[in-house]
Protein backbone atom coordinates (compact mmCIF):
# COMPACT_ATOMS: atom_id res chain seq x y z
CA MET A 1 142.60 127.83 65.33
CA GLN A 2 144.72 126.59 62.48
CA HIS A 3 148.33 127.51 63.15
CA ARG A 4 150.52 128.12 60.18
CA HIS A 5 153.47 126.10 61.47
CA LEU A 6 151.64 123.18 63.05
CA GLN A 7 152.08 120.12 60.87
CA SER A 8 150.11 117.10 62.01
CA GLN A 9 150.39 117.30 65.80
CA GLU A 10 154.07 118.19 66.06
CA PHE A 11 154.77 121.23 68.22
CA THR A 12 157.70 122.81 66.39
CA PRO A 13 159.31 125.95 67.86
CA ALA A 14 157.48 128.04 65.25
CA ALA A 15 154.17 126.38 66.16
CA VAL A 16 154.79 126.93 69.87
CA ASP A 17 155.51 130.60 69.21
CA ASP A 18 152.37 130.94 67.09
CA ILE A 19 150.17 129.22 69.67
CA ILE A 20 151.45 131.35 72.54
CA ARG A 21 151.19 134.64 70.66
CA ARG A 22 148.04 134.15 68.61
CA GLY A 23 146.27 131.19 70.15
CA GLY A 24 143.18 131.05 72.25
CA TRP A 25 142.10 129.00 75.23
CA ARG A 26 141.70 125.70 73.33
CA ASP A 27 145.10 126.08 71.69
CA TRP A 28 146.77 126.66 75.05
CA VAL A 29 145.05 123.63 76.53
CA ALA A 30 146.46 121.49 73.71
CA LEU A 31 149.93 122.95 74.27
CA ARG A 32 149.63 122.38 78.02
CA ARG A 33 148.68 118.75 77.50
CA ALA A 34 151.60 118.27 75.13
CA ALA A 35 153.96 119.88 77.66
CA HIS A 36 152.75 117.49 80.37
CA ARG A 37 153.36 114.47 78.13
CA ASP A 38 156.61 115.42 76.44
CA ALA A 39 159.82 116.90 77.86
CA GLU A 40 160.83 117.91 74.34
CA VAL A 41 157.77 120.17 74.06
CA ARG A 42 158.61 121.71 77.45
CA GLU A 43 162.12 122.44 76.23
CA ARG A 44 160.79 124.05 73.04
CA ILE A 45 158.47 126.28 75.07
CA ARG A 46 161.38 127.23 77.34
CA ARG A 47 163.61 128.09 74.39
CA VAL A 48 160.94 130.10 72.56
CA CYS A 49 159.89 132.05 75.65
CA GLY A 50 163.36 132.44 77.09
CA SER A 51 164.76 134.04 73.98
CA LEU A 52 161.79 136.36 73.60
CA THR A 53 161.34 137.51 77.21
CA ARG A 54 164.74 139.21 77.19
CA GLU A 55 163.10 142.11 75.36
CA PRO A 56 161.18 144.00 78.07
CA ARG A 57 158.82 145.71 75.61
CA GLN A 58 158.13 142.55 73.65
CA GLU A 59 154.59 142.22 72.36
CA ASN A 60 152.78 139.46 74.25
CA ALA A 61 155.39 139.66 77.03
CA GLN A 62 152.88 138.51 79.66
CA ARG A 63 151.98 135.38 77.71
CA LEU A 64 155.61 134.55 77.08
CA SER A 65 156.53 135.12 80.71
CA PHE A 66 153.60 132.97 81.90
CA TRP A 67 154.54 130.03 79.67
CA ASN A 68 158.22 130.34 80.57
CA LYS A 69 157.43 130.16 84.30
CA TYR A 70 154.85 127.43 83.74
CA VAL A 71 157.30 125.03 82.07
CA GLN A 72 159.96 125.78 84.68
CA ARG A 73 157.60 124.75 87.46
CA LEU A 74 156.25 121.82 85.48
CA SER A 75 159.75 120.54 84.79
CA ALA A 76 160.56 120.74 88.49
CA THR A 77 157.55 118.61 89.41
CA VAL A 78 157.39 116.22 86.44
CA GLY A 79 161.09 115.75 85.95
């Protein structure tokens, strides 16, 4: 899936948001790999999801909540 905000392989906050909301399995795998490699990507995921999960009726709330919890646990184990 071509994401509108993904320039080269940089995971900008807009690209992270687009991947989580509109992406498919392969897109999430790429984001997961980037999160494992780069603390900056984990922080972007945390910021994107954290600001959006405050709205309880937010569209894609389950995806946002999953990714938010995922990076919290990953950060605790990876450092």
